[in-house]
Amino acid sequence: MGASSSTVVTRFAPSPTGFLHIGGARTALFNFLYARRHGGQFLLRIEDTDRARSTQAAVDAILDGMRWLRLDWDGDVTYQFARAARHAEVANGLLASGGAYRCYMTAEELAAARAAAEAERRPFRLQSAWRDRADAPSVDAPYVIRLRAPRDGETVIEDEVQGRVTVQNVELDDMVLLRSDGTPTYMLAVVVDDEDMGVTHVIRGDDHLNNAFRQLALIRALGWREPTYAHVPLIHGPDGAKLSKRHGALGVEAYRDEMGLLAEAVENYLLRLGWGHGDAEIISREQAVEWFDLSGIGRAPARLDFRKLENLNGHYMREADDSRLVELVAPRVEALLGHALSEEQRDLLTRAMGDLKPRAKSLVELADSALFLFRPRPIPVDEKAAKLLEAPAIDLLRSARDALASASEWRLDVLESAVRGVAETAGVGLGKVAQPLRAALTGQTTSPGIFEVLAHLGREESLGRIDDQLAA
């Protein structure tokens, strides 16, 4: 199941209890890039041992999010629960070798020990009387299998992000490996799966740092190869507090669906969220693979900055292929219109995309800005635009209508010449004519350049929209 000892193997191991968390997506990205840079393998493991909370819908959401971000894993997905027999086999093997023991403490005894620790205001560290006993209360007494953790000395982890971290072994308890019903615990399953999958580098959130010491005790008891650890600081919200529901947009689907962001923009942003390469801000996938290293990860938590993310997305939208943006934004436009776009309307959207995309920072904004192309007449006019259609601007609009109607050809340069002529004759700046024109043609105060708008709408539609406002 594993790889050769010389191959770098990383893994992303989410629990399927909900969406693909944005912090998890960054962890997956770091693991993916590290493996790709070193020509290794990037594996995906679904840690579904919590049967009460794990759902197929969550599994689907995680896989969907991974595919959207183009985080292509190697081989098949490993499902942890399906490997329960292997986990139990390892625990029983350790029991046979003396690295683990049967603990017959009852739930009441455990609760009493925990209550005593609380009363004495000391951390609860289990001291099981069964650690050094070979007997049993009865033949059929229920028991758990516990790790015989070291009591003396210390455990040191040379973490690639956190540096040297030390824990006194007296702080580590004899954790449960196998429950009384024979099911493995998460801590056992993680260690066994990492070993069997050949994982060489464990790159994960620093909320797992404490787990690393306990898992390392188990790894050493089994005599297995120790992985390289890199515990990455968690992402915080804009206010510096740990990312939570109140900050919004916790799952990657919110960035895709609700915020309308492009996958490459989210990837670039997540990469720079706690990792850097000099002053580089715009980083392609190819550059990321070439440059990514663990030493570039900072020790301080990174803060989400939604404005910066939107600006970055605006850059990627300007760079995106027009036909691709049409595919992405057409369903949004159709939802706003309440009907499907005809083939002719879709062609219009494609022709207009080059003028629409420079002004949009998201697919949401892009869809909103494209709506004017497809509104049936008379188009709705928002409050700000309506003010531009009052006197004396309405007189300039009437003059512009006459000039446009007389245009020899419906071509950008001819249209521009006609509108500029109106402004010069009236002795006003071009904007004084363009503003009421824009309001009449789009119903808004912002749009692509007014001559592009005229060109995309065409002679009949443009003059018809102007006439609607003049008659209002």
Protein backbone atom coordinates (compact mmCIF):
# COMPACT_ATOMS: atom_id res chain seq x y z
CA MET A 1 0.00 0.00 0.00
CA GLY A 2 2.91 2.36 0.71
CA ALA A 3 5.67 3.80 -1.47
CA SER A 4 9.42 3.23 -1.47
CA SER A 5 11.36 4.74 1.40
CA SER A 6 13.01 7.31 -0.87
CA THR A 7 9.72 8.69 -2.20
CA VAL A 8 8.12 11.72 -0.57
CA VAL A 9 4.54 10.81 0.37
CA THR A 10 2.11 13.34 1.83
CA ARG A 11 -1.54 12.96 2.67
CA PHE A 12 -4.64 15.01 3.28
CA ALA A 13 -6.97 13.35 5.75
CA PRO A 14 -10.25 15.22 6.31
CA SER A 15 -13.17 13.98 8.40
CA PRO A 16 -16.41 13.81 6.36
CA THR A 17 -18.62 15.71 8.79
CA GLY A 18 -19.31 18.71 6.53
CA PHE A 19 -17.91 20.80 3.68
CA LEU A 20 -14.26 21.08 2.69
CA HIS A 21 -13.11 23.73 5.16
CA ILE A 22 -11.06 26.58 3.70
CA GLY A 23 -8.32 25.80 6.24
CA GLY A 24 -8.40 22.17 5.19
CA ALA A 25 -8.15 23.22 1.55
CA ARG A 26 -4.96 25.12 2.35
CA THR A 27 -3.56 22.07 4.18
CA ALA A 28 -4.40 19.93 1.13
CA LEU A 29 -2.71 22.48 -1.14
CA PHE A 30 0.48 22.51 0.95
CA ASN A 31 0.60 18.71 0.93
CA PHE A 32 -0.09 18.58 -2.81
CA LEU A 33 2.61 21.12 -3.67
CA TYR A 34 5.24 19.53 -1.43
CA ALA A 35 4.66 16.12 -3.01
CA ARG A 36 4.67 17.51 -6.54
CA ARG A 37 7.82 19.53 -5.98
CA HIS A 38 9.69 16.43 -4.82
CA GLY A 39 8.25 14.12 -7.46
CA GLY A 40 6.39 12.19 -4.77
CA GLN A 41 2.85 11.11 -4.06
CA PHE A 42 -0.09 13.04 -2.67
CA LEU A 43 -2.68 10.75 -1.08
CA LEU A 44 -6.23 11.35 0.10
CA ARG A 45 -7.68 9.59 3.14
CA ILE A 46 -11.21 10.07 4.40
CA GLU A 47 -11.18 9.67 8.18
CA ASP A 48 -14.70 8.35 8.61
CA THR A 49 -14.32 6.41 11.86
CA ASP A 50 -16.89 8.68 13.55
CA ARG A 51 -19.87 6.87 12.09
CA ALA A 52 -22.43 9.07 13.82
CA ARG A 53 -21.17 12.26 12.15
CA SER A 54 -19.72 10.98 8.86
CA THR A 55 -22.01 11.35 5.84
CA GLN A 56 -21.77 10.51 2.15
CA ALA A 57 -22.86 14.07 1.34
CA ALA A 58 -19.80 15.37 3.21
CA VAL A 59 -17.53 12.93 1.38
CA ASP A 60 -18.97 14.15 -1.93
CA ALA A 61 -18.47 17.80 -0.89
CA ILE A 62 -14.83 17.16 0.00
CA LEU A 63 -14.09 15.35 -3.27
CA ASP A 64 -15.94 18.05 -5.23
CA GLY A 65 -13.95 20.80 -3.54
CA MET A 66 -10.66 19.01 -4.13
CA ARG A 67 -11.45 18.57 -7.83
CA TRP A 68 -12.51 22.22 -8.17
CA LEU A 69 -9.14 23.33 -6.77
CA ARG A 70 -7.40 20.83 -9.10
CA LEU A 71 -5.79 19.07 -6.12
CA ASP A 72 -5.47 15.76 -7.91
CA TRP A 73 -4.58 12.96 -5.53
CA ASP A 74 -2.65 9.85 -6.50
CA GLY A 75 -4.33 6.44 -6.49
CA ASP A 76 -7.66 5.61 -4.90
CA VAL A 77 -9.19 7.37 -1.92
CA THR A 78 -8.50 5.50 1.33
CA TYR A 79 -11.48 5.18 3.67
CA GLN A 80 -10.34 4.75 7.24
CA PHE A 81 -13.36 2.89 8.56
CA ALA A 82 -12.88 0.13 5.98
CA ARG A 83 -9.48 -0.61 7.53
CA ALA A 84 -10.77 -1.26 11.07
CA ALA A 85 -9.67 -4.90 11.03
CA ARG A 86 -6.10 -3.87 10.20
CA HIS A 87 -6.11 -1.30 13.01
CA ALA A 88 -7.33 -3.92 15.50
CA GLU A 89 -4.66 -6.35 14.27
CA VAL A 90 -1.92 -3.83 15.10
CA ALA A 91 -3.36 -3.14 18.56
CA ASN A 92 -3.54 -6.85 19.37
CA GLY A 93 -0.02 -7.36 18.09
CA LEU A 94 1.23 -4.62 20.39
CA LEU A 95 -0.68 -6.24 23.27
CA ALA A 96 1.07 -9.53 22.56
CA SER A 97 4.50 -7.88 22.50
CA GLY A 98 3.96 -6.02 25.78
CA GLY A 99 3.74 -2.53 24.25
CA ALA A 100 0.08 -2.32 25.26
CA TYR A 101 -2.08 -3.74 28.03
CA ARG A 102 -5.67 -4.61 28.89
CA CYS A 103 -7.29 -2.01 31.09
CA TYR A 104 -10.41 -3.06 32.99
CA MET A 105 -11.21 0.32 34.54
CA THR A 106 -14.96 0.91 34.59
CA ALA A 107 -16.69 4.07 33.37
CA GLU A 108 -17.41 4.93 37.02
CA GLU A 109 -13.75 4.58 37.99
CA LEU A 110 -12.68 6.78 35.10
CA ALA A 111 -15.26 9.42 36.01
CA ALA A 112 -14.11 9.37 39.64
CA ALA A 113 -10.46 9.79 38.61
CA ARG A 114 -11.38 12.69 36.34
CA ALA A 115 -13.45 14.35 39.06
CA ALA A 116 -10.59 14.02 41.53
CA ALA A 117 -8.23 15.75 39.11
CA GLU A 118 -10.71 18.58 38.63
CA ALA A 119 -11.19 18.95 42.39
CA GLU A 120 -7.42 19.19 42.84
CA ARG A 121 -7.17 21.54 39.88
CA ARG A 122 -4.59 19.45 38.08
CA PRO A 123 -4.56 18.09 34.51
CA PHE A 124 -6.15 14.69 34.21
CA ARG A 125 -3.47 12.08 33.47
CA LEU A 126 -4.74 8.54 33.63
CA GLN A 127 -2.82 6.22 35.96
CA SER A 128 -4.36 2.82 35.37
CA ALA A 129 -3.79 0.18 38.03
CA TRP A 130 -3.95 -2.41 35.25
CA ARG A 131 -0.77 -1.20 33.53
CA ASP A 132 1.38 -3.63 35.52
CA ARG A 133 -1.16 -6.38 36.17
CA ALA A 134 -1.66 -9.55 34.19
CA ASP A 135 -4.84 -10.78 35.89
CA ALA A 136 -8.45 -9.86 35.12
CA PRO A 137 -11.53 -9.16 37.29
CA SER A 138 -13.34 -12.03 35.58
CA VAL A 139 -13.14 -14.13 32.44
CA ASP A 140 -15.68 -12.03 30.57
CA ALA A 141 -14.87 -8.59 32.05
CA PRO A 142 -14.87 -5.86 29.36
CA TYR A 143 -11.59 -4.09 28.73
CA VAL A 144 -9.90 -1.59 26.47
CA ILE A 145 -6.40 -1.94 25.07
CA ARG A 146 -4.15 0.93 26.15
CA LEU A 147 -0.72 1.93 24.94
CA ARG A 148 2.02 1.46 27.51
CA ALA A 149 3.39 5.00 27.03
CA PRO A 150 6.81 6.00 28.38
CA ARG A 151 6.72 7.57 31.84
CA ASP A 152 10.28 8.90 32.04
CA GLY A 153 12.25 11.36 29.94
CA GLU A 154 10.91 13.59 27.21
CA THR A 155 9.77 13.46 23.63
CA VAL A 156 11.22 15.95 21.16
CA ILE A 157 9.80 16.79 17.75
CA GLU A 158 11.92 18.74 15.27
CA ASP A 159 8.97 20.30 13.51
CA GLU A 160 9.60 21.82 10.07
CA VAL A 161 7.40 24.81 10.92
CA GLN A 162 7.30 25.06 14.72
CA GLY A 163 10.97 24.20 15.29
CA ARG A 164 12.00 22.07 18.26
CA VAL A 165 9.05 21.22 20.50
CA THR A 166 9.48 19.19 23.69
CA VAL A 167 7.00 17.44 25.97
CA GLN A 168 7.80 15.64 29.21
CA ASN A 169 6.64 12.04 28.91
CA VAL A 170 4.92 12.25 32.28
CA GLU A 171 2.43 14.52 30.51
CA LEU A 172 1.42 11.73 28.12
CA ASP A 173 -1.18 9.21 29.22
CA ASP A 174 -1.75 5.62 28.20
CA MET A 175 -4.19 6.32 25.40
CA VAL A 176 -6.85 3.84 24.35
CA LEU A 177 -6.03 1.99 21.13
CA LEU A 178 -8.96 -0.42 21.00
CA ARG A 179 -12.30 0.22 22.68
CA SER A 180 -14.14 -2.41 24.68
CA ASP A 181 -16.32 -3.21 21.66
CA GLY A 182 -13.20 -3.94 19.62
CA THR A 183 -13.35 -0.79 17.49
CA PRO A 184 -10.12 1.19 16.96
CA THR A 185 -9.69 4.76 18.13
CA TYR A 186 -8.84 7.64 15.82
CA MET A 187 -5.31 7.93 17.28
CA LEU A 188 -4.53 4.30 16.46
CA ALA A 189 -6.10 4.48 12.99
CA VAL A 190 -4.09 7.56 11.98
CA VAL A 191 -0.76 5.97 12.91
CA VAL A 192 -1.52 2.65 11.20
CA ASP A 193 -2.85 4.31 8.05
CA ASP A 194 0.13 6.66 7.76
CA GLU A 195 2.51 3.70 8.08
CA ASP A 196 0.65 1.49 5.62
CA MET A 197 0.30 4.34 3.11
CA GLY A 198 4.00 5.09 3.34
CA VAL A 199 3.48 8.67 4.49
CA THR A 200 6.84 10.39 4.98
CA HIS A 201 5.69 13.94 5.76
CA VAL A 202 2.73 14.83 7.97
CA ILE A 203 1.76 18.40 7.07
CA ARG A 204 -1.32 19.51 9.01
CA GLY A 205 -2.79 22.20 11.25
CA ASP A 206 -0.99 23.03 14.48
CA ASP A 207 -4.10 22.03 16.42
CA HIS A 208 -2.75 18.49 15.88
CA LEU A 209 0.63 19.21 17.47
CA ASN A 210 -0.36 17.70 20.82
CA ASN A 211 -1.61 14.61 18.99
CA ALA A 212 1.80 14.22 17.37
CA PHE A 213 3.48 13.43 20.70
CA ARG A 214 0.94 10.75 21.55
CA GLN A 215 1.08 9.30 18.05
CA LEU A 216 4.87 9.33 18.15
CA ALA A 217 4.79 7.27 21.35
CA LEU A 218 2.73 4.66 19.50
CA ILE A 219 4.99 4.78 16.42
CA ARG A 220 8.05 4.15 18.60
CA ALA A 221 6.34 1.34 20.50
CA LEU A 222 5.70 -0.33 17.14
CA GLY A 223 9.23 0.31 15.93
CA TRP A 224 7.98 2.08 12.81
CA ARG A 225 9.66 4.83 10.83
CA GLU A 226 8.92 8.29 12.20
CA PRO A 227 7.48 10.82 9.72
CA THR A 228 8.69 14.38 9.31
CA TYR A 229 6.20 16.73 10.98
CA ALA A 230 5.16 20.19 9.83
CA HIS A 231 2.38 21.76 11.89
CA VAL A 232 0.95 24.81 10.14
CA PRO A 233 -0.65 27.69 12.11
CA LEU A 234 -4.41 27.90 11.66
CA ILE A 235 -6.15 30.56 9.59
CA HIS A 236 -7.74 33.37 11.59
CA GLY A 237 -10.55 35.72 10.63
CA PRO A 238 -9.99 39.36 9.67
CA ASP A 239 -10.36 40.31 13.35
CA GLY A 240 -7.52 37.99 14.41
CA ALA A 241 -9.81 35.48 16.12
CA LYS A 242 -9.84 31.81 15.17
CA LEU A 243 -11.85 31.32 11.99
CA SER A 244 -15.46 30.51 12.83
CA LYS A 245 -18.98 30.65 11.41
CA ARG A 246 -19.35 34.31 12.29
CA HIS A 247 -16.61 35.16 9.79
CA GLY A 248 -18.61 33.44 7.04
CA ALA A 249 -17.32 31.51 4.01
CA LEU A 250 -15.88 28.52 5.88
CA GLY A 251 -16.30 25.99 3.08
CA VAL A 252 -14.69 26.19 -0.35
CA GLU A 253 -18.09 25.87 -2.06
CA ALA A 254 -18.99 29.27 -0.60
CA TYR A 255 -15.99 30.78 -2.38
CA ARG A 256 -17.04 29.12 -5.62
CA ASP A 257 -20.83 29.41 -5.50
CA GLU A 258 -21.74 32.35 -3.27
CA MET A 259 -18.70 34.58 -3.80
CA GLY A 260 -18.18 33.58 -7.43
CA LEU A 261 -14.42 33.21 -7.30
CA LEU A 262 -12.15 31.34 -9.70
CA ALA A 263 -10.32 28.25 -8.48
CA GLU A 264 -6.89 29.56 -9.48
CA ALA A 265 -7.46 32.77 -7.51
CA VAL A 266 -8.48 30.87 -4.38
CA GLU A 267 -5.46 28.60 -4.79
CA ASN A 268 -3.09 31.55 -5.20
CA TYR A 269 -4.61 33.28 -2.18
CA LEU A 270 -4.46 30.19 0.04
CA LEU A 271 -0.85 29.62 -1.00
CA ARG A 272 0.10 33.12 0.16
CA LEU A 273 -1.90 32.74 3.37
CA GLY A 274 0.95 31.88 5.69
CA TRP A 275 3.56 31.04 3.04
CA GLY A 276 5.72 33.32 0.95
CA HIS A 277 8.40 33.39 -1.72
CA GLY A 278 10.08 36.76 -1.65
CA ASP A 279 7.69 39.49 -2.78
CA ALA A 280 5.82 37.29 -5.26
CA GLU A 281 2.05 37.77 -5.05
CA ILE A 282 0.74 36.38 -8.36
CA ILE A 283 1.97 32.79 -8.41
CA SER A 284 1.02 30.24 -11.06
CA ARG A 285 0.57 26.54 -10.31
CA GLU A 286 3.86 25.82 -12.13
CA GLN A 287 5.74 28.39 -10.03
CA ALA A 288 4.10 27.12 -6.84
CA VAL A 289 5.30 23.57 -7.53
CA GLU A 290 8.79 24.86 -8.27
CA TRP A 291 9.05 27.17 -5.25
CA PHE A 292 7.06 25.54 -2.45
CA ASP A 293 9.01 24.53 0.64
CA LEU A 294 8.16 24.08 4.28
CA SER A 295 10.67 26.71 5.38
CA GLY A 296 8.52 29.38 3.75
CA ILE A 297 5.62 28.75 6.15
CA GLY A 298 5.39 31.30 8.95
CA ARG A 299 4.76 30.45 12.58
CA ALA A 300 2.11 33.11 13.15
CA PRO A 301 -1.55 32.54 12.19
CA ALA A 302 -2.53 34.14 8.89
CA ARG A 303 -5.58 36.39 8.62
CA LEU A 304 -8.21 36.12 5.93
CA ASP A 305 -8.56 39.35 3.95
CA PHE A 306 -11.61 39.08 1.72
CA ARG A 307 -10.86 42.37 -0.06
CA LYS A 308 -7.40 41.17 -1.01
CA LEU A 309 -8.89 37.88 -2.20
CA GLU A 310 -11.42 39.71 -4.38
CA ASN A 311 -8.72 41.91 -5.89
CA LEU A 312 -6.66 38.83 -6.67
CA ASN A 313 -9.70 37.22 -8.25
CA GLY A 314 -10.16 40.32 -10.40
CA HIS A 315 -6.66 39.79 -11.76
CA TYR A 316 -7.38 36.17 -12.66
CA MET A 317 -10.70 37.11 -14.26
CA ARG A 318 -8.96 39.60 -16.54
CA GLU A 319 -6.52 36.84 -17.49
CA ALA A 320 -9.19 34.18 -18.00
CA ASP A 321 -10.27 32.93 -21.41
CA ASP A 322 -13.51 34.61 -22.53
CA SER A 323 -15.21 31.36 -23.54
CA ARG A 324 -14.43 29.83 -20.15
CA LEU A 325 -15.94 32.83 -18.35
CA VAL A 326 -19.05 32.55 -20.50
CA GLU A 327 -19.47 28.92 -19.39
CA LEU A 328 -19.07 29.93 -15.74
CA VAL A 329 -21.24 33.03 -15.77
CA ALA A 330 -24.06 32.00 -18.13
CA PRO A 331 -25.89 29.92 -15.47
CA ARG A 332 -25.72 32.91 -13.09
CA VAL A 333 -27.15 35.25 -15.74
CA GLU A 334 -29.90 32.74 -16.51
CA ALA A 335 -30.79 32.49 -12.83
CA LEU A 336 -31.09 36.28 -12.60
CA LEU A 337 -33.18 36.48 -15.76
CA GLY A 338 -35.32 33.49 -14.86
CA HIS A 339 -34.87 31.81 -18.23
CA ALA A 340 -32.21 30.16 -20.36
CA LEU A 341 -30.12 32.20 -22.76
CA SER A 342 -30.79 31.62 -26.42
CA GLU A 343 -27.91 30.72 -28.72
CA GLU A 344 -27.97 34.29 -30.04
CA GLN A 345 -27.82 35.72 -26.51
CA ARG A 346 -24.97 33.40 -25.60
CA ASP A 347 -23.06 34.61 -28.65
CA LEU A 348 -23.68 38.18 -27.53
CA LEU A 349 -22.34 37.37 -24.07
CA THR A 350 -19.22 35.89 -25.66
CA ARG A 351 -18.66 38.97 -27.85
CA ALA A 352 -19.15 41.31 -24.90
CA MET A 353 -16.99 39.36 -22.43
CA GLY A 354 -13.77 41.18 -23.30
CA ASP A 355 -15.42 44.47 -22.31
CA LEU A 356 -17.28 43.10 -19.27
CA LYS A 357 -14.55 41.19 -17.42
CA PRO A 358 -12.09 44.04 -16.70
CA ARG A 359 -14.64 45.69 -14.39
CA ALA A 360 -15.66 42.58 -12.42
CA LYS A 361 -13.90 41.10 -9.40
CA SER A 362 -16.14 38.05 -9.21
CA LEU A 363 -18.53 35.98 -11.26
CA VAL A 364 -21.33 37.52 -9.17
CA GLU A 365 -20.34 41.01 -10.32
CA LEU A 366 -19.80 39.76 -13.86
CA ALA A 367 -23.31 38.31 -14.05
CA ASP A 368 -24.82 41.53 -12.67
CA SER A 369 -22.88 43.67 -15.14
CA ALA A 370 -23.94 41.47 -18.09
CA LEU A 371 -27.66 41.62 -17.30
CA PHE A 372 -28.24 44.84 -19.25
CA LEU A 373 -27.51 42.98 -22.48
CA PHE A 374 -30.55 40.74 -22.07
CA ARG A 375 -33.17 42.82 -20.26
CA PRO A 376 -36.45 43.03 -22.18
CA ARG A 377 -37.66 46.53 -23.02
CA PRO A 378 -38.43 48.76 -21.33
CA ILE A 379 -35.43 47.99 -19.14
CA PRO A 380 -35.58 48.81 -15.41
CA VAL A 381 -33.62 51.90 -14.37
CA ASP A 382 -32.12 52.10 -10.90
CA GLU A 383 -32.44 55.17 -8.68
CA LYS A 384 -29.00 56.62 -9.42
CA ALA A 385 -29.41 56.15 -13.16
CA ALA A 386 -32.88 57.75 -13.10
CA LYS A 387 -31.35 60.99 -11.82
CA LEU A 388 -29.19 61.10 -14.97
CA LEU A 389 -32.32 61.10 -17.10
CA GLU A 390 -33.74 64.36 -15.72
CA ALA A 391 -33.47 67.80 -17.35
CA PRO A 392 -31.21 69.14 -18.77
CA ALA A 393 -29.54 65.77 -19.44
CA ILE A 394 -32.63 64.46 -21.20
CA ASP A 395 -32.12 67.09 -23.93
CA LEU A 396 -28.57 65.84 -24.51
CA LEU A 397 -29.94 62.30 -24.71
CA ARG A 398 -32.42 63.41 -27.38
CA SER A 399 -29.63 64.99 -29.42
CA ALA A 400 -27.51 61.88 -29.01
CA ARG A 401 -30.40 59.74 -30.22
CA ASP A 402 -30.73 61.82 -33.40
CA ALA A 403 -27.00 61.70 -34.05
CA LEU A 404 -26.85 57.93 -33.55
CA ALA A 405 -29.88 57.36 -35.77
CA SER A 406 -28.05 59.24 -38.54
CA ALA A 407 -24.83 57.21 -38.14
CA SER A 408 -23.73 55.82 -41.51
CA GLU A 409 -22.49 52.58 -39.91
CA TRP A 410 -22.99 51.00 -36.48
CA ARG A 411 -19.26 50.80 -35.85
CA LEU A 412 -17.24 51.91 -32.80
CA ASP A 413 -15.38 54.78 -34.48
CA VAL A 414 -18.51 56.08 -36.21
CA LEU A 415 -20.54 55.90 -32.99
CA GLU A 416 -17.84 57.68 -31.02
CA SER A 417 -17.64 60.43 -33.61
CA ALA A 418 -21.42 60.93 -33.50
CA VAL A 419 -21.58 61.19 -29.68
CA ARG A 420 -18.52 63.44 -29.47
CA GLY A 421 -20.13 65.71 -32.05
CA VAL A 422 -23.16 66.13 -29.77
CA ALA A 423 -20.93 67.07 -26.84
CA GLU A 424 -18.96 69.61 -28.90
CA THR A 425 -22.11 71.21 -30.30
CA ALA A 426 -23.56 71.51 -26.78
CA GLY A 427 -20.27 72.82 -25.41
CA VAL A 428 -20.05 70.12 -22.72
CA GLY A 429 -17.64 67.34 -21.89
CA LEU A 430 -18.17 63.89 -23.36
CA GLY A 431 -19.22 62.56 -19.94
CA LYS A 432 -22.29 64.82 -19.87
CA VAL A 433 -23.61 63.01 -22.94
CA ALA A 434 -22.28 59.55 -22.07
CA GLN A 435 -23.93 59.49 -18.61
CA PRO A 436 -27.57 59.80 -19.68
CA LEU A 437 -26.80 57.48 -22.61
CA ARG A 438 -25.47 54.86 -20.22
CA ALA A 439 -28.50 55.24 -17.94
CA ALA A 440 -30.89 54.81 -20.87
CA LEU A 441 -29.04 51.87 -22.41
CA THR A 442 -28.16 49.88 -19.26
CA GLY A 443 -30.40 51.23 -16.49
CA GLN A 444 -27.26 51.70 -14.39
CA THR A 445 -24.51 54.25 -13.79
CA THR A 446 -21.66 51.80 -14.46
CA SER A 447 -21.02 49.64 -17.49
CA PRO A 448 -18.37 48.94 -20.10
CA GLY A 449 -17.43 51.90 -22.30
CA ILE A 450 -20.51 53.55 -23.75
CA PHE A 451 -19.43 52.97 -27.36
CA GLU A 452 -18.87 49.26 -26.64
CA VAL A 453 -22.34 49.14 -25.08
CA LEU A 454 -23.87 50.66 -28.20
CA ALA A 455 -21.95 48.26 -30.44
CA HIS A 456 -23.00 45.17 -28.47
CA LEU A 457 -26.68 46.15 -28.26
CA GLY A 458 -26.90 47.04 -31.94
CA ARG A 459 -28.75 49.86 -33.72
CA GLU A 460 -32.33 48.71 -33.23
CA GLU A 461 -32.05 47.79 -29.54
CA SER A 462 -30.00 50.88 -28.66
CA LEU A 463 -32.35 53.34 -30.33
CA GLY A 464 -35.37 51.50 -28.91
CA ARG A 465 -34.03 51.77 -25.34
CA ILE A 466 -33.30 55.46 -25.77
CA ASP A 467 -36.80 56.04 -27.16
CA ASP A 468 -38.29 54.24 -24.13
CA GLN A 469 -36.63 56.75 -21.80
CA LEU A 470 -37.46 59.76 -23.92
CA ALA A 471 -41.11 58.70 -23.89
CA ALA A 472 -41.18 58.02 -20.17
